[in-house]
PDB file of N, CA and C in Angstrom:
ATOM      1  N   UNK A   1      -2.966   2.144  12.809  1.00  0.00           N
ATOM      2  CA  UNK A   1      -3.122   2.339  12.502  1.00  0.00           C
ATOM      3  C   UNK A   1      -1.730   2.819  11.831  1.00  0.00           C
ATOM      4  N   UNK A   2      -0.059   2.311  12.894  1.00  0.00           N
ATOM      5  CA  UNK A   2       1.035   1.826  12.276  1.00  0.00           C
ATOM      6  C   UNK A   2       0.538   1.048  11.150  1.00  0.00           C
ATOM      7  N   UNK A   3       0.486  -0.498  10.907  1.00  0.00           N
ATOM      8  CA  UNK A   3       0.077  -1.343   9.841  1.00  0.00           C
ATOM      9  C   UNK A   3      -0.881  -0.604   8.573  1.00  0.00           C
ATOM     10  N   UNK A   4      -2.024   0.291   8.706  1.00  0.00           N
ATOM     11  CA  UNK A   4      -2.313   0.212   7.527  1.00  0.00           C
ATOM     12  C   UNK A   4      -1.721   1.524   7.316  1.00  0.00           C
ATOM     13  N   UNK A   5      -0.658   2.701   7.470  1.00  0.00           N
ATOM     14  CA  UNK A   5       0.423   3.313   7.621  1.00  0.00           C
ATOM     15  C   UNK A   5       1.326   2.228   6.918  1.00  0.00           C
ATOM     16  N   UNK A   6       1.461   1.839   6.953  1.00  0.00           N
ATOM     17  CA  UNK A   6       2.791   1.279   5.926  1.00  0.00           C
ATOM     18  C   UNK A   6       2.821  -0.002   5.596  1.00  0.00           C
ATOM     19  N   UNK A   7       1.395  -0.195   5.499  1.00  0.00           N
ATOM     20  CA  UNK A   7       1.029  -0.845   4.189  1.00  0.00           C
ATOM     21  C   UNK A   7       0.607  -0.105   2.809  1.00  0.00           C
ATOM     22  N   UNK A   8       0.430   1.622   3.520  1.00  0.00           N
ATOM     23  CA  UNK A   8      -0.294   2.520   2.005  1.00  0.00           C
ATOM     24  C   UNK A   8       0.919   2.304   1.398  1.00  0.00           C
ATOM     25  N   UNK A   9       2.232   3.132   2.350  1.00  0.00           N
ATOM     26  CA  UNK A   9       3.343   3.171   2.316  1.00  0.00           C
ATOM     27  C   UNK A   9       4.389   1.920   0.608  1.00  0.00           C
ATOM     28  N   UNK A  10       4.072   1.313   1.245  1.00  0.00           N
ATOM     29  CA  UNK A  10       4.558  -0.338   1.276  1.00  0.00           C
ATOM     30  C   UNK A  10       3.891  -0.907  -0.884  1.00  0.00           C
ATOM     31  N   UNK A  11       2.596  -0.682  -0.591  1.00  0.00           N
ATOM     32  CA  UNK A  11       1.926  -0.243  -1.629  1.00  0.00           C
ATOM     33  C   UNK A  11       2.281   0.912  -2.701  1.00  0.00           C
ATOM     34  N   UNK A  12       2.577   1.894  -2.078  1.00  0.00           N
ATOM     35  CA  UNK A  12       3.394   2.967  -3.072  1.00  0.00           C
ATOM     36  C   UNK A  12       4.404   2.353  -3.369  1.00  0.00           C
ATOM     37  N   UNK A  13       5.030   2.143  -2.993  1.00  0.00           N
ATOM     38  CA  UNK A  13       6.229   1.186  -3.154  1.00  0.00           C
ATOM     39  C   UNK A  13       6.290   0.216  -4.416  1.00  0.00           C
ATOM     40  N   UNK A  14       5.789   0.025  -4.057  1.00  0.00           N
ATOM     41  CA  UNK A  14       4.833  -1.489  -5.173  1.00  0.00           C
ATOM     42  C   UNK A  14       4.803  -0.681  -6.529  1.00  0.00           C
ATOM     43  N   UNK A  15       4.312  -0.030  -6.800  1.00  0.00           N
ATOM     44  CA  UNK A  15       3.770   0.973  -7.739  1.00  0.00           C
ATOM     45  C   UNK A  15       4.554   1.552  -8.555  1.00  0.00           C
ATOM     46  N   UNK A  16       4.997   2.108  -6.969  1.00  0.00           N
ATOM     47  CA  UNK A  16       6.361   2.605  -8.233  1.00  0.00           C
ATOM     48  C   UNK A  16       7.359   1.527  -8.897  1.00  0.00           C
ATOM     49  N   UNK A  17       8.080   0.556  -8.747  1.00  0.00           N
ATOM     50  CA  UNK A  17       8.486  -0.302  -9.249  1.00  0.00           C
ATOM     51  C   UNK A  17       7.869  -1.452  -9.954  1.00  0.00           C
ATOM     52  N   UNK A  18       6.592  -1.667  -9.851  1.00  0.00           N
ATOM     53  CA  UNK A  18       5.940  -1.626 -10.991  1.00  0.00           C
ATOM     54  C   UNK A  18       6.137  -0.638 -12.335  1.00  0.00           C
ATOM     55  N   UNK A  19       6.011   0.580 -11.921  1.00  0.00           N
ATOM     56  CA  UNK A  19       6.121   1.323 -13.113  1.00  0.00           C
ATOM     57  C   UNK A  19       6.858   1.266 -13.732  1.00  0.00           C
ATOM     58  N   UNK A  20       8.533   0.364 -12.940  1.00  0.00           N
ATOM     59  CA  UNK A  20       9.603   0.565 -13.689  1.00  0.00           C
ATOM     60  C   UNK A  20      10.509  -0.742 -14.030  1.00  0.00           C
ATOM     61  N   UNK A  21       8.969  -1.543 -13.823  1.00  0.00           N
ATOM     62  CA  UNK A  21       9.253  -3.014 -14.752  1.00  0.00           C
ATOM     63  C   UNK A  21       9.145  -2.566 -16.013  1.00  0.00           C
ATOM     64  N   UNK A  22       7.223  -2.246 -16.011  1.00  0.00           N
ATOM     65  CA  UNK A  22       6.252  -2.288 -17.216  1.00  0.00           C
ATOM     66  C   UNK A  22       6.237  -1.263 -18.510  1.00  0.00           C
ATOM     67  N   UNK A  23       6.901  -1.349 -18.785  1.00  0.00           N
ATOM     68  CA  UNK A  23       6.584  -0.381 -19.966  1.00  0.00           C
ATOM     69  C   UNK A  23       4.705  -0.039 -20.412  1.00  0.00           C
ATOM     70  N   UNK A  24       4.168   1.146 -20.283  1.00  0.00           N
ATOM     71  CA  UNK A  24       3.303   1.618 -20.308  1.00  0.00           C
ATOM     72  C   UNK A  24       2.399   2.167 -18.845  1.00  0.00           C
ATOM     73  N   UNK A  25       2.980   1.007 -18.191  1.00  0.00           N
ATOM     74  CA  UNK A  25       2.982   1.819 -16.664  1.00  0.00           C
ATOM     75  C   UNK A  25       3.402   3.080 -15.738  1.00  0.00           C
ATOM     76  N   UNK A  26       2.627   4.408 -15.669  1.00  0.00           N
ATOM     77  CA  UNK A  26       3.557   5.166 -16.011  1.00  0.00           C
ATOM     78  C   UNK A  26       3.037   6.596 -14.184  1.00  0.00           C
ATOM     79  N   UNK A  27       3.806   6.321 -13.203  1.00  0.00           N
ATOM     80  CA  UNK A  27       3.342   7.170 -12.241  1.00  0.00           C
ATOM     81  C   UNK A  27       4.453   8.548 -12.480  1.00  0.00           C
ATOM     82  N   UNK A  28       3.848   9.452 -11.783  1.00  0.00           N
ATOM     83  CA  UNK A  28       5.188  10.797 -12.027  1.00  0.00           C
ATOM     84  C   UNK A  28       5.966  10.632 -11.216  1.00  0.00           C
ATOM     85  N   UNK A  29       5.823  10.579  -9.655  1.00  0.00           N
ATOM     86  CA  UNK A  29       6.784  10.741  -8.090  1.00  0.00           C
ATOM     87  C   UNK A  29       6.165  10.126  -6.950  1.00  0.00           C
ATOM     88  N   UNK A  30       6.002   9.912  -6.064  1.00  0.00           N
ATOM     89  CA  UNK A  30       6.137   9.008  -5.189  1.00  0.00           C
ATOM     90  C   UNK A  30       4.476   9.141  -4.746  1.00  0.00           C
ATOM     91  N   UNK A  31       4.553  10.681  -4.479  1.00  0.00           N
ATOM     92  CA  UNK A  31       3.034  11.417  -4.192  1.00  0.00           C
ATOM     93  C   UNK A  31       2.093  10.925  -4.780  1.00  0.00           C
ATOM     94  N   UNK A  32       1.917  11.114  -6.551  1.00  0.00           N
ATOM     95  CA  UNK A  32       1.506  10.068  -7.318  1.00  0.00           C
ATOM     96  C   UNK A  32       1.567   8.782  -7.168  1.00  0.00           C
ATOM     97  N   UNK A  33       1.580   7.719  -6.570  1.00  0.00           N
ATOM     98  CA  UNK A  33       2.063   6.482  -5.849  1.00  0.00           C
ATOM     99  C   UNK A  33       1.115   6.506  -5.351  1.00  0.00           C
ATOM    100  N   UNK A  34       0.799   8.317  -4.052  1.00  0.00           N
ATOM    101  CA  UNK A  34       0.579   7.393  -3.218  1.00  0.00           C
ATOM    102  C   UNK A  34      -1.244   7.924  -3.040  1.00  0.00           C
ATOM    103  N   UNK A  35      -1.429   8.476  -4.142  1.00  0.00           N
ATOM    104  CA  UNK A  35      -2.366   9.108  -4.146  1.00  0.00           C
ATOM    105  C   UNK A  35      -2.935   7.662  -5.144  1.00  0.00           C
ATOM    106  N   UNK A  36      -2.689   7.211  -6.104  1.00  0.00           N
ATOM    107  CA  UNK A  36      -2.902   6.520  -6.977  1.00  0.00           C
ATOM    108  C   UNK A  36      -3.298   5.123  -6.081  1.00  0.00           C
ATOM    109  N   UNK A  37      -2.412   4.368  -4.896  1.00  0.00           N
ATOM    110  CA  UNK A  37      -3.173   3.967  -3.775  1.00  0.00           C
ATOM    111  C   UNK A  37      -4.200   4.567  -3.420  1.00  0.00           C
ATOM    112  N   UNK A  38      -4.574   5.267  -2.839  1.00  0.00           N
ATOM    113  CA  UNK A  38      -6.254   5.526  -2.288  1.00  0.00           C
ATOM    114  C   UNK A  38      -6.357   4.601  -3.189  1.00  0.00           C
ATOM    115  N   UNK A  39      -7.269   5.003  -4.218  1.00  0.00           N
ATOM    116  CA  UNK A  39      -7.859   5.495  -5.451  1.00  0.00           C
ATOM    117  C   UNK A  39      -7.658   4.346  -5.774  1.00  0.00           C
ATOM    118  N   UNK A  40      -7.105   3.292  -6.120  1.00  0.00           N
ATOM    119  CA  UNK A  40      -6.934   1.280  -5.742  1.00  0.00           C
ATOM    120  C   UNK A  40      -8.048   0.727  -4.855  1.00  0.00           C
ATOM    121  N   UNK A  41      -7.069   1.219  -4.318  1.00  0.00           N
ATOM    122  CA  UNK A  41      -7.998   0.660  -2.829  1.00  0.00           C
ATOM    123  C   UNK A  41      -9.657   0.805  -3.255  1.00  0.00           C
ATOM    124  N   UNK A  42     -10.003   2.301  -3.381  1.00  0.00           N
ATOM    125  CA  UNK A  42     -11.444   2.523  -3.089  1.00  0.00           C
ATOM    126  C   UNK A  42     -12.123   1.752  -4.633  1.00  0.00           C
ATOM    127  N   UNK A  43     -11.408   0.900  -5.795  1.00  0.00           N
ATOM    128  CA  UNK A  43     -11.580   0.579  -7.121  1.00  0.00           C
ATOM    129  C   UNK A  43     -12.092  -1.000  -6.450  1.00  0.00           C
ATOM    130  N   UNK A  44     -10.901  -1.347  -5.651  1.00  0.00           N
ATOM    131  CA  UNK A  44     -10.386  -2.785  -4.681  1.00  0.00           C
ATOM    132  C   UNK A  44     -11.992  -3.552  -3.922  1.00  0.00           C
ATOM    133  N   UNK A  45     -11.754  -1.644  -3.373  1.00  0.00           N
ATOM    134  CA  UNK A  45     -13.608  -1.817  -2.493  1.00  0.00           C
ATOM    135  C   UNK A  45     -14.415  -1.788  -2.936  1.00  0.00           C
ATOM    136  N   UNK A  46     -15.257  -1.566  -3.786  1.00  0.00           N
ATOM    137  CA  UNK A  46     -16.234  -0.828  -4.146  1.00  0.00           C
ATOM    138  C   UNK A  46     -16.789  -1.666  -5.105  1.00  0.00           C
ATOM    139  N   UNK A  47     -15.931  -0.749  -6.879  1.00  0.00           N
ATOM    140  CA  UNK A  47     -16.339  -2.107  -7.851  1.00  0.00           C
ATOM    141  C   UNK A  47     -15.560  -3.361  -8.158  1.00  0.00           C
ATOM    142  N   UNK A  48     -15.086  -3.408  -7.265  1.00  0.00           N
ATOM    143  CA  UNK A  48     -14.282  -4.558  -7.994  1.00  0.00           C
ATOM    144  C   UNK A  48     -14.722  -6.281  -7.462  1.00  0.00           C
ATOM    145  N   UNK A  49     -15.736  -5.866  -6.416  1.00  0.00           N
ATOM    146  CA  UNK A  49     -16.420  -7.511  -5.760  1.00  0.00           C
ATOM    147  C   UNK A  49     -18.246  -7.238  -6.944  1.00  0.00           C
ATOM    148  N   UNK A  50     -18.156  -6.129  -7.087  1.00  0.00           N
ATOM    149  CA  UNK A  50     -19.138  -5.786  -8.054  1.00  0.00           C
ATOM    150  C   UNK A  50     -18.565  -6.832  -9.415  1.00  0.00           C
ATOM    151  N   UNK A  51     -17.968  -6.672  -9.890  1.00  0.00           N
ATOM    152  CA  UNK A  51     -17.590  -7.355 -11.674  1.00  0.00           C
ATOM    153  C   UNK A  51     -16.743  -9.014 -11.540  1.00  0.00           C
ATOM    154  N   UNK A  52     -16.893  -9.042 -10.185  1.00  0.00           N
ATOM    155  CA  UNK A  52     -16.516 -10.679  -9.791  1.00  0.00           C
ATOM    156  C   UNK A  52     -17.245 -10.888 -10.012  1.00  0.00           C
ATOM    157  N   UNK A  53     -19.300 -10.657  -9.106  1.00  0.00           N
ATOM    158  CA  UNK A  53     -20.160 -11.069  -9.137  1.00  0.00           C
ATOM    159  C   UNK A  53     -20.379 -10.636 -10.475  1.00  0.00           C
ATOM    160  N   UNK A  54     -20.389  -9.967 -11.333  1.00  0.00           N
ATOM    161  CA  UNK A  54     -20.364 -10.430 -12.363  1.00  0.00           C
ATOM    162  C   UNK A  54     -20.182 -11.492 -13.747  1.00  0.00           C
ATOM    163  N   UNK A  55     -18.633 -11.545 -12.823  1.00  0.00           N
ATOM    164  CA  UNK A  55     -17.761 -12.726 -13.968  1.00  0.00           C
ATOM    165  C   UNK A  55     -17.530 -13.988 -13.794  1.00  0.00           C
ATOM    166  N   UNK A  56     -18.720 -13.764 -12.141  1.00  0.00           N
ATOM    167  CA  UNK A  56     -18.730 -15.243 -12.273  1.00  0.00           C
ATOM    168  C   UNK A  56     -18.536 -16.409 -12.983  1.00  0.00           C
ATOM    169  N   UNK A  57     -19.592 -16.517 -13.960  1.00  0.00           N
ATOM    170  CA  UNK A  57     -19.954 -17.857 -14.728  1.00  0.00           C
ATOM    171  C   UNK A  57     -18.973 -17.626 -15.498  1.00  0.00           C
ATOM    172  N   UNK A  58     -18.094 -17.015 -16.245  1.00  0.00           N
ATOM    173  CA  UNK A  58     -16.897 -16.949 -17.465  1.00  0.00           C
ATOM    174  C   UNK A  58     -15.352 -17.050 -16.414  1.00  0.00           C
ATOM    175  N   UNK A  59     -16.103 -17.193 -15.074  1.00  0.00           N
ATOM    176  CA  UNK A  59     -14.252 -16.590 -13.847  1.00  0.00           C
ATOM    177  C   UNK A  59     -15.012 -18.407 -13.887  1.00  0.00           C
ATOM    178  N   UNK A  60     -15.995 -19.345 -12.872  1.00  0.00           N
ATOM    179  CA  UNK A  60     -16.278 -20.723 -12.956  1.00  0.00           C
ATOM    180  C   UNK A  60     -15.475 -21.202 -14.406  1.00  0.00           C
ATOM    181  N   UNK A  61     -16.382 -20.994 -15.485  1.00  0.00           N
ATOM    182  CA  UNK A  61     -15.765 -21.728 -16.643  1.00  0.00           C
ATOM    183  C   UNK A  61     -14.043 -21.876 -17.387  1.00  0.00           C
ATOM    184  N   UNK A  62     -13.584 -20.470 -16.623  1.00  0.00           N
ATOM    185  CA  UNK A  62     -12.209 -20.420 -16.881  1.00  0.00           C
ATOM    186  C   UNK A  62     -11.317 -20.948 -15.745  1.00  0.00           C
ATOM    187  N   UNK A  63     -12.018 -22.264 -14.262  1.00  0.00           N
ATOM    188  CA  UNK A  63     -11.422 -22.033 -13.521  1.00  0.00           C
ATOM    189  C   UNK A  63     -10.144 -21.477 -13.125  1.00  0.00           C
ATOM    190  N   UNK A  64     -10.939 -20.270 -13.063  1.00  0.00           N
ATOM    191  CA  UNK A  64     -10.340 -18.956 -12.278  1.00  0.00           C
ATOM    192  C   UNK A  64      -9.626 -17.587 -12.807  1.00  0.00           C
ATOM    193  N   UNK A  65      -9.115 -18.140 -14.557  1.00  0.00           N
ATOM    194  CA  UNK A  65      -7.600 -16.724 -14.497  1.00  0.00           C
ATOM    195  C   UNK A  65      -8.793 -16.077 -14.683  1.00  0.00           C
ATOM    196  N   UNK A  66      -9.508 -16.289 -14.988  1.00  0.00           N
ATOM    197  CA  UNK A  66      -9.877 -14.613 -15.294  1.00  0.00           C
ATOM    198  C   UNK A  66     -10.632 -13.563 -14.352  1.00  0.00           C
ATOM    199  N   UNK A  67      -9.820 -14.090 -12.791  1.00  0.00           N
ATOM    200  CA  UNK A  67      -9.328 -13.302 -12.034  1.00  0.00           C
ATOM    201  C   UNK A  67      -8.333 -12.215 -12.642  1.00  0.00           C
ATOM    202  N   UNK A  68      -6.686 -12.880 -13.527  1.00  0.00           N
ATOM    203  CA  UNK A  68      -6.146 -11.941 -14.492  1.00  0.00           C
ATOM    204  C   UNK A  68      -6.524 -11.152 -14.368  1.00  0.00           C
ATOM    205  N   UNK A  69      -7.968 -11.257 -15.118  1.00  0.00           N
ATOM    206  CA  UNK A  69      -8.424 -10.214 -16.484  1.00  0.00           C
ATOM    207  C   UNK A  69      -9.070  -9.307 -15.029  1.00  0.00           C
ATOM    208  N   UNK A  70      -9.403 -10.125 -14.704  1.00  0.00           N
ATOM    209  CA  UNK A  70     -10.717  -8.586 -13.940  1.00  0.00           C
ATOM    210  C   UNK A  70      -9.323  -7.477 -13.229  1.00  0.00           C
ATOM    211  N   UNK A  71      -8.104  -8.344 -12.676  1.00  0.00           N
ATOM    212  CA  UNK A  71      -7.474  -7.207 -11.574  1.00  0.00           C
ATOM    213  C   UNK A  71      -7.463  -6.251 -12.543  1.00  0.00           C
ATOM    214  N   UNK A  72      -6.328  -7.375 -13.829  1.00  0.00           N
ATOM    215  CA  UNK A  72      -6.386  -5.226 -15.006  1.00  0.00           C
ATOM    216  C   UNK A  72      -7.439  -4.877 -14.798  1.00  0.00           C
ATOM    217  N   UNK A  73      -9.076  -4.979 -15.754  1.00  0.00           N
ATOM    218  CA  UNK A  73      -9.753  -4.125 -15.923  1.00  0.00           C
ATOM    219  C   UNK A  73      -9.977  -3.242 -14.657  1.00  0.00           C
ATOM    220  N   UNK A  74      -9.741  -3.635 -13.056  1.00  0.00           N
ATOM    221  CA  UNK A  74      -9.357  -3.258 -12.129  1.00  0.00           C
ATOM    222  C   UNK A  74      -8.335  -2.001 -11.635  1.00  0.00           C
ATOM    223  N   UNK A  75      -7.446  -2.022 -12.076  1.00  0.00           N
ATOM    224  CA  UNK A  75      -7.206  -1.415 -11.866  1.00  0.00           C
ATOM    225  C   UNK A  75      -6.418   0.141 -12.973  1.00  0.00           C
ATOM    226  N   UNK A  76      -5.983  -0.894 -14.542  1.00  0.00           N
ATOM    227  CA  UNK A  76      -7.127   0.312 -15.508  1.00  0.00           C
ATOM    228  C   UNK A  76      -7.781   1.168 -15.094  1.00  0.00           C
ATOM    229  N   UNK A  77      -9.074   1.124 -14.512  1.00  0.00           N
ATOM    230  CA  UNK A  77      -9.667   1.477 -13.808  1.00  0.00           C
ATOM    231  C   UNK A  77      -9.934   2.368 -13.121  1.00  0.00           C
ATOM    232  N   UNK A  78      -8.271   2.599 -12.424  1.00  0.00           N
ATOM    233  CA  UNK A  78      -7.619   3.059 -11.640  1.00  0.00           C
ATOM    234  C   UNK A  78      -6.800   3.868 -12.087  1.00  0.00           C
ATOM    235  N   UNK A  79      -6.211   3.590 -12.973  1.00  0.00           N
ATOM    236  CA  UNK A  79      -5.720   4.825 -13.848  1.00  0.00           C
ATOM    237  C   UNK A  79      -6.841   5.829 -14.691  1.00  0.00           C
ATOM    238  N   UNK A  80      -7.682   5.522 -14.995  1.00  0.00           N
ATOM    239  CA  UNK A  80      -8.744   6.521 -15.369  1.00  0.00           C
ATOM    240  C   UNK A  80      -9.172   7.459 -14.223  1.00  0.00           C
ATOM    241  N   UNK A  81      -9.943   6.502 -13.558  1.00  0.00           N
ATOM    242  CA  UNK A  81     -10.591   7.748 -12.098  1.00  0.00           C
ATOM    243  C   UNK A  81      -9.372   8.179 -11.611  1.00  0.00           C
ATOM    244  N   UNK A  82      -7.945   8.303 -11.529  1.00  0.00           N
ATOM    245  CA  UNK A  82      -6.925   9.255 -11.329  1.00  0.00           C
ATOM    246  C   UNK A  82      -6.533   9.680 -12.099  1.00  0.00           C
ATOM    247  N   UNK A  83      -5.861  11.593 -11.945  1.00  0.00           N
ATOM    248  CA  UNK A  83      -5.401  12.339 -13.095  1.00  0.00           C
ATOM    249  C   UNK A  83      -4.425  11.697 -13.679  1.00  0.00           C
ATOM    250  N   UNK A  84      -4.734  12.042 -14.865  1.00  0.00           N
ATOM    251  CA  UNK A  84      -3.564  11.470 -15.979  1.00  0.00           C
ATOM    252  C   UNK A  84      -2.058  11.767 -15.583  1.00  0.00           C
ATOM    253  N   UNK A  85      -2.109  13.514 -14.755  1.00  0.00           N
ATOM    254  CA  UNK A  85      -1.016  13.517 -14.651  1.00  0.00           C
ATOM    255  C   UNK A  85      -0.081  12.469 -14.318  1.00  0.00           C
ATOM    256  N   UNK A  86      -0.906  12.406 -12.995  1.00  0.00           N
ATOM    257  CA  UNK A  86      -0.157  11.825 -11.614  1.00  0.00           C
ATOM    258  C   UNK A  86       0.278   9.418 -11.834  1.00  0.00           C
ATOM    259  N   UNK A  87      -1.135   9.779 -12.248  1.00  0.00           N
ATOM    260  CA  UNK A  87      -1.072   7.524 -12.737  1.00  0.00           C
ATOM    261  C   UNK A  87      -2.376   7.814 -13.909  1.00  0.00           C
ATOM    262  N   UNK A  88      -1.242   6.356 -15.279  1.00  0.00           N
ATOM    263  CA  UNK A  88      -1.028   6.398 -16.840  1.00  0.00           C
ATOM    264  C   UNK A  88      -0.996   5.104 -16.440  1.00  0.00           C
ATOM    265  N   UNK A  89      -2.109   4.739 -17.479  1.00  0.00           N
ATOM    266  CA  UNK A  89      -2.224   2.463 -18.129  1.00  0.00           C
ATOM    267  C   UNK A  89      -1.553   3.303 -19.835  1.00  0.00           C
ATOM    268  N   UNK A  90      -1.551   3.286 -19.986  1.00  0.00           N
ATOM    269  CA  UNK A  90      -1.399   3.047 -21.742  1.00  0.00           C
ATOM    270  C   UNK A  90      -1.659   1.673 -22.111  1.00  0.00           C
ATOM    271  N   UNK A  91      -3.365   1.664 -22.669  1.00  0.00           N
ATOM    272  CA  UNK A  91      -4.128  -0.452 -22.711  1.00  0.00           C
ATOM    273  C   UNK A  91      -3.990  -1.401 -21.964  1.00  0.00           C
ATOM    274  N   UNK A  92      -4.390  -2.424 -22.300  1.00  0.00           N
ATOM    275  CA  UNK A  92      -4.760  -3.075 -21.201  1.00  0.00           C
ATOM    276  C   UNK A  92      -3.519  -4.290 -21.730  1.00  0.00           C
ATOM    277  N   UNK A  93      -2.540  -4.169 -21.883  1.00  0.00           N
ATOM    278  CA  UNK A  93      -1.253  -5.460 -21.757  1.00  0.00           C
ATOM    279  C   UNK A  93      -0.735  -4.504 -20.633  1.00  0.00           C
ATOM    280  N   UNK A  94      -0.552  -3.268 -20.431  1.00  0.00           N
ATOM    281  CA  UNK A  94       0.396  -3.293 -19.847  1.00  0.00           C
ATOM    282  C   UNK A  94      -1.022  -2.609 -17.969  1.00  0.00           C
ATOM    283  N   UNK A  95      -1.579  -2.906 -17.989  1.00  0.00           N
ATOM    284  CA  UNK A  95      -2.448  -3.158 -16.814  1.00  0.00           C
ATOM    285  C   UNK A  95      -2.080  -4.474 -16.382  1.00  0.00           C
ATOM    286  N   UNK A  96      -2.465  -5.683 -17.338  1.00  0.00           N
ATOM    287  CA  UNK A  96      -2.240  -6.756 -17.510  1.00  0.00           C
ATOM    288  C   UNK A  96      -1.256  -7.388 -17.060  1.00  0.00           C
ATOM    289  N   UNK A  97       0.510  -7.005 -17.311  1.00  0.00           N
ATOM    290  CA  UNK A  97       1.412  -7.249 -16.356  1.00  0.00           C
ATOM    291  C   UNK A  97       1.801  -6.277 -15.921  1.00  0.00           C
ATOM    292  N   UNK A  98       0.966  -5.501 -16.144  1.00  0.00           N
ATOM    293  CA  UNK A  98       1.160  -4.312 -14.646  1.00  0.00           C
ATOM    294  C   UNK A  98       0.665  -5.454 -13.004  1.00  0.00           C
ATOM    295  N   UNK A  99      -0.860  -6.241 -13.462  1.00  0.00           N
ATOM    296  CA  UNK A  99      -0.951  -6.719 -12.024  1.00  0.00           C
ATOM    297  C   UNK A  99      -0.582  -7.466 -11.421  1.00  0.00           C
ATOM    298  N   UNK A 100      -0.463  -8.329 -12.950  1.00  0.00           N
ATOM    299  CA  UNK A 100       0.605  -8.746 -12.492  1.00  0.00           C
ATOM    300  C   UNK A 100       1.971  -8.987 -11.266  1.00  0.00           C
ATOM    301  N   UNK A 101       2.643  -8.175 -12.354  1.00  0.00           N
ATOM    302  CA  UNK A 101       4.139  -7.416 -10.623  1.00  0.00           C
ATOM    303  C   UNK A 101       3.864  -6.919 -10.478  1.00  0.00           C
ATOM    304  N   UNK A 102       2.326  -6.063 -10.114  1.00  0.00           N
ATOM    305  CA  UNK A 102       2.156  -5.534  -8.564  1.00  0.00           C
ATOM    306  C   UNK A 102       1.586  -6.263  -7.832  1.00  0.00           C
ATOM    307  N   UNK A 103       0.605  -7.684  -7.886  1.00  0.00           N
ATOM    308  CA  UNK A 103       0.696  -8.510  -7.079  1.00  0.00           C
ATOM    309  C   UNK A 103       1.844  -9.530  -6.842  1.00  0.00           C
ATOM    310  N   UNK A 104       2.613  -9.482  -7.738  1.00  0.00           N
ATOM    311  CA  UNK A 104       4.281 -10.172  -6.412  1.00  0.00           C
ATOM    312  C   UNK A 104       4.472  -9.257  -5.747  1.00  0.00           C
ATOM    313  N   UNK A 105       5.180  -7.957  -6.398  1.00  0.00           N
ATOM    314  CA  UNK A 105       5.969  -6.629  -4.910  1.00  0.00           C
ATOM    315  C   UNK A 105       5.252  -6.828  -4.283  1.00  0.00           C
ATOM    316  N   UNK A 106       3.854  -6.345  -4.474  1.00  0.00           N
ATOM    317  CA  UNK A 106       3.933  -6.293  -2.778  1.00  0.00           C
ATOM    318  C   UNK A 106       3.252  -7.719  -2.308  1.00  0.00           C
ATOM    319  N   UNK A 107       3.452  -8.753  -2.295  1.00  0.00           N
ATOM    320  CA  UNK A 107       3.454  -9.448  -1.519  1.00  0.00           C
ATOM    321  C   UNK A 107       4.438  -9.552  -1.099  1.00  0.00           C
ATOM    322  N   UNK A 108       6.644  -9.299  -1.569  1.00  0.00           N
ATOM    323  CA  UNK A 108       7.200  -9.893  -1.409  1.00  0.00           C
ATOM    324  C   UNK A 108       7.769  -8.384  -0.044  1.00  0.00           C
ATOM    325  N   UNK A 109       7.112  -6.952  -1.261  1.00  0.00           N
ATOM    326  CA  UNK A 109       7.262  -5.859   0.228  1.00  0.00           C
ATOM    327  C   UNK A 109       5.897  -5.850   1.226  1.00  0.00           C
ATOM    328  N   UNK A 110       5.194  -6.802   1.860  1.00  0.00           N
ATOM    329  CA  UNK A 110       4.012  -6.929   2.653  1.00  0.00           C
ATOM    330  C   UNK A 110       4.569  -8.154   3.313  1.00  0.00           C
ATOM    331  N   UNK A 111       5.335  -9.314   2.920  1.00  0.00           N
ATOM    332  CA  UNK A 111       6.209  -9.579   3.513  1.00  0.00           C
ATOM    333  C   UNK A 111       7.147  -9.495   4.380  1.00  0.00           C
ATOM    334  N   UNK A 112       8.069  -8.581   3.543  1.00  0.00           N
ATOM    335  CA  UNK A 112       8.871  -7.587   4.126  1.00  0.00           C
ATOM    336  C   UNK A 112       8.907  -6.692   5.963  1.00  0.00           C
ATOM    337  N   UNK A 113       7.659  -6.527   4.671  1.00  0.00           N
ATOM    338  CA  UNK A 113       6.968  -5.050   6.349  1.00  0.00           C
ATOM    339  C   UNK A 113       6.254  -6.387   7.434  1.00  0.00           C
ATOM    340  N   UNK A 114       5.866  -7.400   6.922  1.00  0.00           N
ATOM    341  CA  UNK A 114       5.232  -8.397   8.378  1.00  0.00           C
ATOM    342  C   UNK A 114       6.497  -8.365   8.774  1.00  0.00           C
ATOM    343  N   UNK A 115       7.376  -8.165   9.104  1.00  0.00           N
ATOM    344  CA  UNK A 115       8.554  -8.012  10.246  1.00  0.00           C
ATOM    345  C   UNK A 115       8.237  -6.652  11.252  1.00  0.00           C
ATOM    346  N   UNK A 116       8.187  -6.231  10.293  1.00  0.00           N
ATOM    347  CA  UNK A 116       8.398  -4.760  11.143  1.00  0.00           C
ATOM    348  C   UNK A 116       7.081  -4.367  11.852  1.00  0.00           C
ATOM    349  N   UNK A 117       6.044  -5.314  11.418  1.00  0.00           N
ATOM    350  CA  UNK A 117       4.946  -4.546  13.001  1.00  0.00           C
ATOM    351  C   UNK A 117       5.058  -5.618  13.858  1.00  0.00           C
TER     352      UNK A 117
END
């Protein structure tokens, strides 16, 4: 349970850092980041696998680079499903850049939290 809460908090912090780096990627406050983290987790758990299966031929042709587009679409969908006063992404380019920055920042935070567990 401790690992789950640390991962949830770490991802929320990563969202806030991403919002400060990427223009058009807007998080209202820390509570909004916590809500957005839950929605992103649900989208990644239920919808993204279906998108991955449907996009497999394109992903195969692009040698896996289409995965960046799938990540951006999943993040953008999560922002659409989250109430707009919490988490907003203004367009595909901020979603694309945000997904790259978010994955890098999340990886660094996850690495730092690994020592806490």
